[in-house]
Amino acid sequence: MSKPRIEPLEPPYAEGIAEQLEAMMPPGADPIKLFRTLAHNERILGKIRHSNLLDRGSIERRDRELVILRVCGRCGAEYEWGVHVSFFAPRFGITEEEVAATVDSDWQSGPWSPRDRLLVRLVDELHDRAQISDELWTELAEHWSHEQLIELIVLAGFYHTISFVVNGLQIELEEGMATFPASAKRESAVA
C-alpha cells in the first residue's frame, strides 16, 4: 500500500477531538488510525461516531460482522476488514474459513450455511447492482423482519462508505491486524 494521503493525528489531541476519540474506543484502548485520520475534520468524525452501527441493534452480531466483512472484502478495504477480523470475527463465531471466503469466494462457493449465504448474496447484489432482486428479497424476508432488513441494507451502505474512506485516504494497516488472504492479494494484483 502507498503512503497514507493524510497522516493520522497524534496526541496530544485538541479537547473536543480527544473526547470524541475516547468515546469511539473501548476503555483504555488507543484510537485507531481511521478515527485519528478522520479527526482532521471534526465534523465528519462526529458524524461517523454518531452513525456507528456496532451497537446491539436489531440483528444478530454474527450477521452484522458477516455483512461488514463481506462489504469490506468486496470493496478491497483491507484496513477495515482487518480491524473487524481481529476484533470481532472470533468473538461472534466466524471461522477462519468463513473469514477468508468473505474476500475470496462468490456467494455460491463459500463455506456458508444457507442463512449466511443470503447475507453474502445481499452484500453482493447491493455491491454489484445497488439493488436487491425480488427473489433474494423474498428469501431474506423469511429470516429477517422489515426492521432487520432495513438495518442490514444501511449497514452494508455504511461500510461501503467506510471502505471508500480507508481506500481513498490510503490508511495504513493497524499494527498486528489481520490482512487479506494471500489469494486475495494475488487476485487484486492481477486486476
Foldseek 3Di string as FASTA:
>chain_A
DDDFQAWFDDPPDPPLLVVLQCLQDDPPDHRDRLLSRCVVPVVVSVVCSVVDPCPCFDDHNQLLLLLLLLLCLVLVLFQSNQVCVVPPCVVRPNDPQSSLCSNVHQLVPGPDDPLSSLSRVVLVCCVPPVDDDPVSVVVNVVPDPPSVVVVSSVSSVSSNVVSCSCVVRVRDHDPPTDGHPPVSVVVVVVD
